[in-house]
Amino acid sequence: MTITYLKRGKSENERDQDDSRTRATVEAALRDIEKRGDAAVRAFSISFDDYSPDSFRLTQDQIDALIAQLTDRELDDIRFAQAQVRRFAEAQRASMQDIEVETLPGVILGHRNIPVQSVGCYVPGGKFPMVASAHMSVLTAAVAGVPRIVACTPPFQGQPNPGVVAAMHMAGAHEIYILGGIQAVGAMALGTETIKPVHMLVGPGNAFVAEAKRQLFGKVGIDLFAGPTETMVIADDTVDAELCATDLLGQAEHGYNSPAVLVTTSRALAEATLAEIDRLLTILPTAATASVSWRDFGEVILCDTHDEMLEVANEIASEHVQVMTDRDDWYLANMTSYGALFLGPRTNVANGDKVIGTNHTLPTRKAGRYTGGLWVGKFLKTHSYQRITSDTAAAHIGAYCSRLSMLEGFVGHAEQGNIRVRRYGRMNVPYGGAAE
């Protein structure tokens, strides 16, 4: 096996040092929010966003005024994107059925899919107003039937962003707050004097938002650990450097720490892509951001075979995996660790981010090894129930319950079974007979 790195990003040790500083900052902020509530939230908003309105929650009149700033074309585009997300989420919801089955005569088992009762949706927007993130979290929660959906987004250039607010409102948010970062996530999870706490947090964000969600997990549920955007391009010599470079930089512009990785079997493509990235960075309007991500987190990995590329890709477990090869379906069948796949040169990650209909809140930092991305099922809790409908079944199951409990030494458990045997049992009645 020959795997060659033509370019490497920051080492794991350097990344861990960044993480430790983030952890300490978040821990202190969350303690302050828990202790001082609204006062701490306002202080952080002033400090980080220079924003201190009379109320962080928007009124309906404010929402209407912001929506009125958008053109008909912009509103139609939001409606189109939300229609695609809704269509796919509804199909996913329809695939999740409540069940009830009689496993033995008189023994009924089942489960119900019940929506989480309150959800806090974080929509990033400090650097770029992430209109699409409102579709992915708020709209998907609405399709799941969540009865209270809270949405938070930071101010953009000192003001609520009309596009983000419109998307939140049109998606079905019940409460909209102009709050960003740790203060938004902390307020939604911990609650303040003016914000009732939620049961679950969802949505992507920067490293501080991701770390806040990690520290709050357990007090509230979370969707997944969605940190800085990651992208991987798996390519052979069926595609060109311009396509690869464009797809890599198109995601590197998200932030200063967004990994972008090219994995290829073609040295010529690898070298041409490196050169094309240098060229594009001279003309890309977001090069100030993308160039830092590419410098610190960009990688180019040269492999001998598709099997080696598959092994590398599954080990890295990137959030977005763009596959452009002569065997895309083979990767679909064999990839096991990733956030979402984008198959073929006609497809691209930005489609998934903005409009195509699949959810763009996806696992990062190798979490794709054990979880998929945000989807309607994340907002549903599957709860089981049991019912015994005959005396015979109660006595039969009770006898097994008693013996198995005694095998473990749980006398009280055994007595729960014994009392059913005594009350409902009948001598010489075979199990499966008529209900008593």
Protein backbone atom coordinates (compact mmCIF):
# COMPACT_ATOMS: atom_id res chain seq x y z
CA MET A 1 0.00 0.00 0.00
CA THR A 2 1.29 3.44 -0.93
CA ILE A 3 -0.48 6.49 0.50
CA THR A 4 1.38 9.76 -0.04
CA TYR A 5 0.50 13.15 1.43
CA LEU A 6 1.33 15.88 -1.08
CA LYS A 7 -0.02 18.43 1.43
CA ARG A 8 -0.85 18.15 5.13
CA GLY A 9 -2.77 20.36 7.52
CA LYS A 10 -2.28 21.07 11.21
CA SER A 11 -1.21 18.14 13.37
CA GLU A 12 -3.60 16.49 15.83
CA ASN A 13 -1.58 18.00 18.68
CA GLU A 14 -2.06 21.53 17.34
CA ARG A 15 -5.78 20.93 16.91
CA ASP A 16 -6.04 19.58 20.46
CA GLN A 17 -4.42 22.75 21.83
CA ASP A 18 -7.03 24.85 20.03
CA ASP A 19 -9.76 22.63 21.49
CA SER A 20 -8.54 23.02 25.07
CA ARG A 21 -8.71 26.81 24.86
CA THR A 22 -12.22 26.60 23.43
CA ARG A 23 -13.36 24.25 26.21
CA ALA A 24 -12.22 26.62 28.94
CA THR A 25 -13.91 29.63 27.35
CA VAL A 26 -17.21 27.80 26.90
CA GLU A 27 -17.21 26.33 30.39
CA ALA A 28 -16.79 29.75 32.00
CA ALA A 29 -19.49 31.31 29.79
CA LEU A 30 -22.04 28.60 30.54
CA ARG A 31 -21.43 28.92 34.28
CA ASP A 32 -22.06 32.65 34.01
CA ILE A 33 -25.29 32.17 32.03
CA GLU A 34 -26.55 29.59 34.52
CA LYS A 35 -25.79 31.94 37.42
CA ARG A 36 -26.86 35.32 36.02
CA GLY A 37 -29.35 34.47 33.29
CA ASP A 38 -30.44 37.37 31.11
CA ALA A 39 -27.75 39.70 32.47
CA ALA A 40 -24.99 37.34 31.36
CA VAL A 41 -26.63 36.74 27.98
CA ARG A 42 -26.82 40.48 27.33
CA ALA A 43 -23.23 41.02 28.44
CA PHE A 44 -21.98 38.35 26.03
CA SER A 45 -24.10 39.76 23.21
CA ILE A 46 -22.58 43.19 23.75
CA SER A 47 -19.08 41.77 24.03
CA PHE A 48 -19.17 39.44 21.01
CA ASP A 49 -21.73 41.08 18.70
CA ASP A 50 -22.01 44.68 19.94
CA TYR A 51 -25.77 44.09 20.03
CA SER A 52 -28.14 45.03 22.88
CA PRO A 53 -31.77 45.54 21.79
CA ASP A 54 -34.67 46.14 24.18
CA SER A 55 -35.63 42.51 23.67
CA PHE A 56 -33.70 39.75 21.90
CA ARG A 57 -36.98 38.11 20.90
CA LEU A 58 -38.53 39.49 17.71
CA THR A 59 -42.16 40.52 17.72
CA GLN A 60 -44.49 39.58 14.88
CA ASP A 61 -44.40 43.18 13.63
CA GLN A 62 -40.58 43.08 13.55
CA ILE A 63 -40.64 39.75 11.69
CA ASP A 64 -43.12 41.12 9.13
CA ALA A 65 -41.00 44.24 8.60
CA LEU A 66 -37.87 42.18 8.01
CA ILE A 67 -39.63 39.86 5.54
CA ALA A 68 -40.91 42.92 3.68
CA GLN A 69 -37.28 43.87 2.93
CA LEU A 70 -36.85 40.81 0.70
CA THR A 71 -37.67 40.75 -2.99
CA ASP A 72 -40.29 38.43 -4.46
CA ARG A 73 -37.47 36.47 -6.10
CA GLU A 74 -35.70 35.97 -2.77
CA LEU A 75 -38.89 34.84 -1.07
CA ASP A 76 -39.69 32.46 -3.93
CA ASP A 77 -36.20 30.98 -3.69
CA ILE A 78 -36.65 30.37 0.04
CA ARG A 79 -40.03 28.75 -0.62
CA PHE A 80 -38.50 26.51 -3.30
CA ALA A 81 -35.69 25.34 -1.03
CA GLN A 82 -38.08 24.71 1.84
CA ALA A 83 -40.39 22.72 -0.44
CA GLN A 84 -37.50 20.39 -1.29
CA VAL A 85 -36.47 19.96 2.35
CA ARG A 86 -40.09 19.42 3.40
CA ARG A 87 -40.72 16.83 0.70
CA PHE A 88 -37.76 14.70 1.76
CA ALA A 89 -38.44 15.14 5.50
CA GLU A 90 -42.06 14.10 5.02
CA ALA A 91 -40.94 10.97 3.16
CA GLN A 92 -38.56 10.18 6.02
CA ARG A 93 -41.32 10.72 8.58
CA ALA A 94 -43.64 8.40 6.66
CA SER A 95 -41.00 5.66 6.87
CA MET A 96 -41.18 5.71 10.68
CA GLN A 97 -44.22 3.75 11.74
CA ASP A 98 -45.76 3.13 15.14
CA ILE A 99 -46.00 -0.62 15.64
CA GLU A 100 -47.98 -3.05 17.77
CA VAL A 101 -47.50 -6.82 17.69
CA GLU A 102 -48.82 -9.80 19.64
CA THR A 103 -45.58 -11.67 20.34
CA LEU A 104 -47.35 -14.46 22.29
CA PRO A 105 -51.07 -15.05 22.79
CA GLY A 106 -52.21 -12.28 25.13
CA VAL A 107 -48.86 -10.42 25.11
CA ILE A 108 -48.99 -7.10 23.23
CA LEU A 109 -45.83 -5.07 22.59
CA GLY A 110 -45.55 -1.82 20.67
CA HIS A 111 -43.81 1.47 20.22
CA ARG A 112 -44.86 5.03 19.45
CA ASN A 113 -42.78 7.76 17.83
CA ILE A 114 -43.35 10.88 19.92
CA PRO A 115 -41.94 14.32 19.01
CA VAL A 116 -39.50 16.03 21.36
CA GLN A 117 -41.65 18.66 23.05
CA SER A 118 -39.34 21.67 22.67
CA VAL A 119 -36.33 22.25 20.46
CA GLY A 120 -33.79 25.06 20.21
CA CYS A 121 -32.50 25.58 16.67
CA TYR A 122 -29.24 27.45 16.24
CA VAL A 123 -28.80 29.12 12.85
CA PRO A 124 -25.27 30.52 12.27
CA GLY A 125 -25.07 33.95 10.76
CA GLY A 126 -22.34 36.15 12.20
CA LYS A 127 -19.99 35.90 9.21
CA PHE A 128 -22.40 34.60 6.57
CA PRO A 129 -26.19 34.66 7.09
CA MET A 130 -26.98 30.94 6.91
CA VAL A 131 -30.50 31.09 5.48
CA ALA A 132 -30.41 27.39 4.58
CA SER A 133 -29.73 26.29 8.16
CA ALA A 134 -33.21 27.47 9.12
CA HIS A 135 -34.74 25.04 6.63
CA MET A 136 -32.63 22.18 7.92
CA SER A 137 -33.42 22.56 11.62
CA VAL A 138 -36.65 24.51 12.05
CA LEU A 139 -38.53 23.03 9.10
CA THR A 140 -37.45 19.47 9.87
CA ALA A 141 -38.57 19.88 13.49
CA ALA A 142 -41.91 21.20 12.25
CA VAL A 143 -42.40 18.17 9.98
CA ALA A 144 -41.67 15.95 12.99
CA GLY A 145 -44.46 17.72 14.91
CA VAL A 146 -42.39 19.47 17.60
CA PRO A 147 -44.90 21.74 19.42
CA ARG A 148 -42.40 24.43 20.52
CA ILE A 149 -39.58 25.45 18.19
CA VAL A 150 -37.20 28.18 19.34
CA ALA A 151 -34.79 29.66 16.80
CA CYS A 152 -31.70 31.76 17.51
CA THR A 153 -29.39 33.51 15.07
CA PRO A 154 -26.73 36.18 15.67
CA PRO A 155 -27.05 39.70 14.31
CA PHE A 156 -25.49 40.21 10.90
CA GLN A 157 -23.59 43.48 10.59
CA GLY A 158 -25.35 44.70 13.72
CA GLN A 159 -28.93 43.89 12.70
CA PRO A 160 -31.29 40.94 12.30
CA ASN A 161 -30.77 39.43 8.86
CA PRO A 162 -34.02 39.53 6.84
CA GLY A 163 -33.29 36.35 4.87
CA VAL A 164 -32.52 34.25 7.94
CA VAL A 165 -35.49 35.59 9.90
CA ALA A 166 -37.82 35.01 6.94
CA ALA A 167 -36.59 31.43 6.57
CA MET A 168 -37.03 30.76 10.30
CA HIS A 169 -40.55 32.16 10.28
CA MET A 170 -41.61 30.43 7.07
CA ALA A 171 -40.18 27.15 8.34
CA GLY A 172 -42.36 27.26 11.45
CA ALA A 173 -40.40 28.78 14.35
CA HIS A 174 -42.61 29.75 17.27
CA GLU A 175 -40.03 32.03 18.94
CA ILE A 176 -37.21 33.89 17.16
CA TYR A 177 -34.31 35.46 19.07
CA ILE A 178 -31.42 37.49 17.66
CA LEU A 179 -28.72 35.85 19.73
CA GLY A 180 -25.49 34.22 18.67
CA GLY A 181 -22.81 31.84 19.86
CA ILE A 182 -22.43 30.47 23.36
CA GLN A 183 -25.01 32.90 24.76
CA ALA A 184 -27.72 31.63 22.40
CA VAL A 185 -27.03 27.95 22.98
CA GLY A 186 -26.63 28.46 26.72
CA ALA A 187 -29.83 30.50 27.04
CA MET A 188 -31.90 27.93 25.13
CA ALA A 189 -30.54 24.99 27.12
CA LEU A 190 -30.29 26.50 30.60
CA GLY A 191 -33.12 29.00 30.42
CA THR A 192 -33.17 32.57 31.68
CA GLU A 193 -35.75 34.91 33.17
CA THR A 194 -37.16 35.54 29.68
CA ILE A 195 -36.31 32.37 27.77
CA LYS A 196 -37.88 29.08 28.80
CA PRO A 197 -35.41 26.20 28.43
CA VAL A 198 -35.79 23.62 25.68
CA HIS A 199 -35.41 19.85 25.74
CA MET A 200 -33.05 19.57 22.76
CA LEU A 201 -30.49 21.65 20.84
CA VAL A 202 -29.87 21.29 17.12
CA GLY A 203 -27.99 23.07 14.37
CA PRO A 204 -24.43 23.69 13.22
CA GLY A 205 -22.08 26.39 14.43
CA ASN A 206 -18.50 27.37 15.03
CA ALA A 207 -16.15 25.61 17.43
CA PHE A 208 -17.60 27.47 20.42
CA VAL A 209 -21.18 26.50 19.57
CA ALA A 210 -20.16 22.87 19.03
CA GLU A 211 -18.30 22.81 22.35
CA ALA A 212 -21.25 24.42 24.17
CA LYS A 213 -23.54 21.71 22.81
CA ARG A 214 -21.05 19.05 23.94
CA GLN A 215 -20.91 20.45 27.47
CA LEU A 216 -24.70 20.80 27.67
CA PHE A 217 -25.40 17.29 26.42
CA GLY A 218 -27.18 15.35 29.14
CA LYS A 219 -28.91 18.41 30.52
CA VAL A 220 -30.53 18.60 27.09
CA GLY A 221 -30.40 16.36 24.06
CA ILE A 222 -28.43 17.36 21.00
CA ASP A 223 -28.60 16.36 17.37
CA LEU A 224 -24.88 15.63 16.92
CA PHE A 225 -21.48 17.24 17.27
CA ALA A 226 -21.55 19.55 14.26
CA GLY A 227 -18.36 21.56 14.29
CA PRO A 228 -16.55 23.39 11.50
CA THR A 229 -17.40 22.28 7.97
CA GLU A 230 -15.36 19.44 6.49
CA THR A 231 -15.21 18.38 2.86
CA MET A 232 -13.48 15.61 0.97
CA VAL A 233 -13.19 15.10 -2.76
CA ILE A 234 -12.54 11.54 -3.94
CA ALA A 235 -11.49 11.74 -7.58
CA ASP A 236 -9.73 9.82 -10.32
CA ASP A 237 -8.63 10.93 -13.76
CA THR A 238 -12.23 11.12 -15.03
CA VAL A 239 -12.49 14.70 -13.76
CA ASP A 240 -10.34 17.81 -13.98
CA ALA A 241 -8.53 20.08 -11.55
CA GLU A 242 -10.91 23.03 -11.93
CA LEU A 243 -13.84 20.93 -10.69
CA CYS A 244 -11.86 19.53 -7.76
CA ALA A 245 -10.41 22.88 -6.73
CA THR A 246 -13.78 24.60 -6.95
CA ASP A 247 -15.45 21.98 -4.78
CA LEU A 248 -12.67 22.12 -2.18
CA LEU A 249 -12.55 25.91 -1.88
CA GLY A 250 -16.33 26.17 -2.04
CA GLN A 251 -16.42 24.62 1.43
CA ALA A 252 -13.14 26.00 2.78
CA GLU A 253 -14.70 29.47 2.70
CA HIS A 254 -17.00 28.50 5.61
CA GLY A 255 -14.41 29.42 8.22
CA TYR A 256 -10.76 29.55 9.16
CA ASN A 257 -10.69 25.94 10.34
CA SER A 258 -12.66 24.04 7.69
CA PRO A 259 -10.75 20.94 6.54
CA ALA A 260 -10.73 20.31 2.77
CA VAL A 261 -9.15 17.08 1.55
CA LEU A 262 -8.48 15.72 -1.93
CA VAL A 263 -8.01 11.95 -2.17
CA THR A 264 -7.00 10.76 -5.63
CA THR A 265 -5.27 8.02 -7.60
CA SER A 266 -3.93 10.54 -10.11
CA ARG A 267 -0.72 12.42 -9.34
CA ALA A 268 -1.35 14.62 -12.37
CA LEU A 269 -4.79 15.59 -11.01
CA ALA A 270 -3.36 16.19 -7.53
CA GLU A 271 -0.64 18.52 -8.76
CA ALA A 272 -2.98 20.31 -11.16
CA THR A 273 -5.52 20.81 -8.36
CA LEU A 274 -2.89 22.34 -6.09
CA ALA A 275 -2.00 24.79 -8.85
CA GLU A 276 -5.65 25.54 -9.60
CA ILE A 277 -6.36 26.24 -5.93
CA ASP A 278 -3.51 28.77 -5.90
CA ARG A 279 -5.01 30.41 -9.00
CA LEU A 280 -8.56 30.52 -7.63
CA LEU A 281 -7.38 32.02 -4.35
CA THR A 282 -6.17 35.07 -6.27
CA ILE A 283 -9.70 35.81 -7.52
CA LEU A 284 -12.11 34.27 -4.98
CA PRO A 285 -13.89 37.05 -3.02
CA THR A 286 -13.82 34.91 0.12
CA ALA A 287 -10.13 34.03 -0.27
CA ALA A 288 -9.22 35.73 3.02
CA THR A 289 -11.10 32.96 4.80
CA ALA A 290 -10.67 30.07 2.38
CA SER A 291 -6.92 30.54 2.07
CA VAL A 292 -6.43 30.18 5.83
CA SER A 293 -8.50 26.99 5.94
CA TRP A 294 -6.60 25.60 2.98
CA ARG A 295 -3.22 26.56 4.45
CA ASP A 296 -3.91 25.10 7.91
CA PHE A 297 -6.36 22.28 7.20
CA GLY A 298 -6.09 21.43 3.51
CA GLU A 299 -4.69 18.04 2.53
CA VAL A 300 -3.93 16.21 -0.71
CA ILE A 301 -3.58 12.43 -0.43
CA LEU A 302 -2.33 10.29 -3.30
CA CYS A 303 -3.30 6.61 -3.35
CA ASP A 304 -2.50 3.74 -5.69
CA THR A 305 -5.96 2.14 -5.86
CA HIS A 306 -9.63 2.76 -5.24
CA ASP A 307 -9.47 0.34 -2.31
CA GLU A 308 -6.83 2.56 -0.71
CA MET A 309 -8.93 5.65 -1.33
CA LEU A 310 -11.90 3.92 0.30
CA GLU A 311 -9.81 3.02 3.34
CA VAL A 312 -8.53 6.59 3.70
CA ALA A 313 -12.01 8.06 3.27
CA ASN A 314 -13.58 5.78 5.87
CA GLU A 315 -10.79 6.59 8.33
CA ILE A 316 -11.14 10.37 7.91
CA ALA A 317 -14.97 10.12 8.00
CA SER A 318 -15.46 13.56 6.49
CA GLU A 319 -18.70 15.49 6.84
CA HIS A 320 -19.15 15.94 3.08
CA VAL A 321 -17.75 13.44 0.60
CA GLN A 322 -17.81 14.41 -3.07
CA VAL A 323 -17.20 11.30 -5.23
CA MET A 324 -16.19 11.82 -8.86
CA THR A 325 -14.82 8.56 -10.25
CA ASP A 326 -15.53 5.87 -12.79
CA ARG A 327 -17.24 3.81 -10.04
CA ASP A 328 -19.34 6.17 -7.92
CA ASP A 329 -21.92 3.47 -7.07
CA TRP A 330 -19.11 1.28 -5.70
CA TYR A 331 -18.31 4.00 -3.18
CA LEU A 332 -22.01 4.31 -2.30
CA ALA A 333 -22.10 0.58 -1.59
CA ASN A 334 -18.84 0.50 0.38
CA MET A 335 -18.48 3.81 2.22
CA THR A 336 -19.38 3.34 5.89
CA SER A 337 -18.21 6.49 7.69
CA TYR A 338 -19.23 9.95 6.44
CA GLY A 339 -21.83 12.66 6.83
CA ALA A 340 -23.35 12.75 3.35
CA LEU A 341 -22.28 11.53 -0.09
CA PHE A 342 -22.45 13.60 -3.25
CA LEU A 343 -22.15 11.28 -6.22
CA GLY A 344 -20.84 12.29 -9.62
CA PRO A 345 -19.57 15.53 -11.16
CA ARG A 346 -23.10 16.88 -11.72
CA THR A 347 -23.68 16.85 -7.96
CA ASN A 348 -22.01 19.19 -5.50
CA VAL A 349 -21.91 19.85 -1.78
CA ALA A 350 -23.40 23.34 -2.13
CA ASN A 351 -26.57 21.71 -3.51
CA GLY A 352 -26.87 19.80 -0.28
CA ASP A 353 -26.07 22.87 1.78
CA LYS A 354 -28.68 25.09 0.19
CA VAL A 355 -31.48 23.52 -1.79
CA ILE A 356 -31.56 19.90 -2.93
CA GLY A 357 -33.56 18.66 0.06
CA THR A 358 -31.27 16.46 2.16
CA ASN A 359 -30.25 17.89 5.51
CA HIS A 360 -26.97 19.78 5.72
CA THR A 361 -26.45 19.45 9.49
CA LEU A 362 -23.99 16.57 9.44
CA PRO A 363 -21.48 14.82 11.73
CA THR A 364 -17.93 16.18 11.84
CA ARG A 365 -14.65 15.20 13.50
CA LYS A 366 -15.12 11.50 12.74
CA ALA A 367 -18.58 11.34 14.32
CA GLY A 368 -19.78 9.84 11.04
CA ARG A 369 -18.38 6.56 12.35
CA TYR A 370 -21.31 6.27 14.77
CA THR A 371 -24.06 8.65 13.67
CA GLY A 372 -25.67 10.10 10.60
CA GLY A 373 -26.83 13.67 10.15
CA LEU A 374 -29.84 15.61 11.34
CA TRP A 375 -33.11 14.26 9.98
CA VAL A 376 -36.74 14.16 10.99
CA GLY A 377 -36.11 11.06 13.12
CA LYS A 378 -33.78 13.02 15.42
CA PHE A 379 -36.80 14.96 16.65
CA LEU A 380 -38.77 11.81 17.42
CA LYS A 381 -38.39 9.62 20.49
CA THR A 382 -39.34 5.97 20.07
CA HIS A 383 -41.10 4.81 23.23
CA SER A 384 -42.15 1.21 23.85
CA TYR A 385 -45.20 -0.07 25.72
CA GLN A 386 -46.44 -3.45 26.90
CA ARG A 387 -49.87 -4.91 27.63
CA ILE A 388 -50.91 -8.38 28.83
CA THR A 389 -54.52 -9.17 28.02
CA SER A 390 -55.15 -12.63 29.48
CA ASP A 391 -54.77 -14.31 32.86
CA THR A 392 -52.96 -17.22 31.25
CA ALA A 393 -50.36 -14.92 29.65
CA ALA A 394 -49.84 -13.03 32.90
CA ALA A 395 -49.13 -16.24 34.82
CA HIS A 396 -46.92 -17.68 32.08
CA ILE A 397 -44.72 -14.59 31.71
CA GLY A 398 -44.78 -14.08 35.50
CA ALA A 399 -43.27 -17.51 36.11
CA TYR A 400 -40.37 -16.80 33.73
CA CYS A 401 -39.94 -13.35 35.28
CA SER A 402 -39.70 -14.86 38.76
CA ARG A 403 -37.14 -17.51 37.88
CA LEU A 404 -34.94 -15.15 35.84
CA SER A 405 -35.07 -12.51 38.60
CA MET A 406 -33.94 -15.06 41.18
CA LEU A 407 -31.09 -16.09 38.86
CA GLU A 408 -29.84 -12.50 39.27
CA GLY A 409 -30.66 -12.29 42.96
CA PHE A 410 -33.47 -9.75 42.63
CA VAL A 411 -36.07 -11.06 45.08
CA GLY A 412 -38.31 -8.02 44.78
CA HIS A 413 -38.36 -8.36 41.01
CA ALA A 414 -39.23 -12.05 41.40
CA GLU A 415 -42.14 -11.19 43.66
CA GLN A 416 -43.58 -8.92 40.96
CA GLY A 417 -43.80 -12.02 38.81
CA ASN A 418 -44.94 -14.30 41.65
CA ILE A 419 -47.94 -12.17 42.59
CA ARG A 420 -49.20 -12.42 38.98
CA VAL A 421 -48.76 -16.19 39.06
CA ARG A 422 -50.73 -16.40 42.30
CA ARG A 423 -53.51 -14.07 41.18
CA TYR A 424 -53.95 -15.08 37.57
CA GLY A 425 -52.58 -18.62 37.36
CA ARG A 426 -54.79 -21.67 36.84
CA MET A 427 -53.57 -25.21 37.30
CA ASN A 428 -53.56 -27.46 34.25
CA VAL A 429 -54.55 -24.73 31.77
CA PRO A 430 -52.10 -24.92 28.83
CA TYR A 431 -50.55 -21.62 27.75
CA GLY A 432 -52.29 -20.27 24.67
CA GLY A 433 -55.74 -21.20 25.92
CA ALA A 434 -58.70 -18.86 26.02
CA ALA A 435 -58.38 -15.58 27.89
CA GLU A 436 -59.65 -15.69 31.43
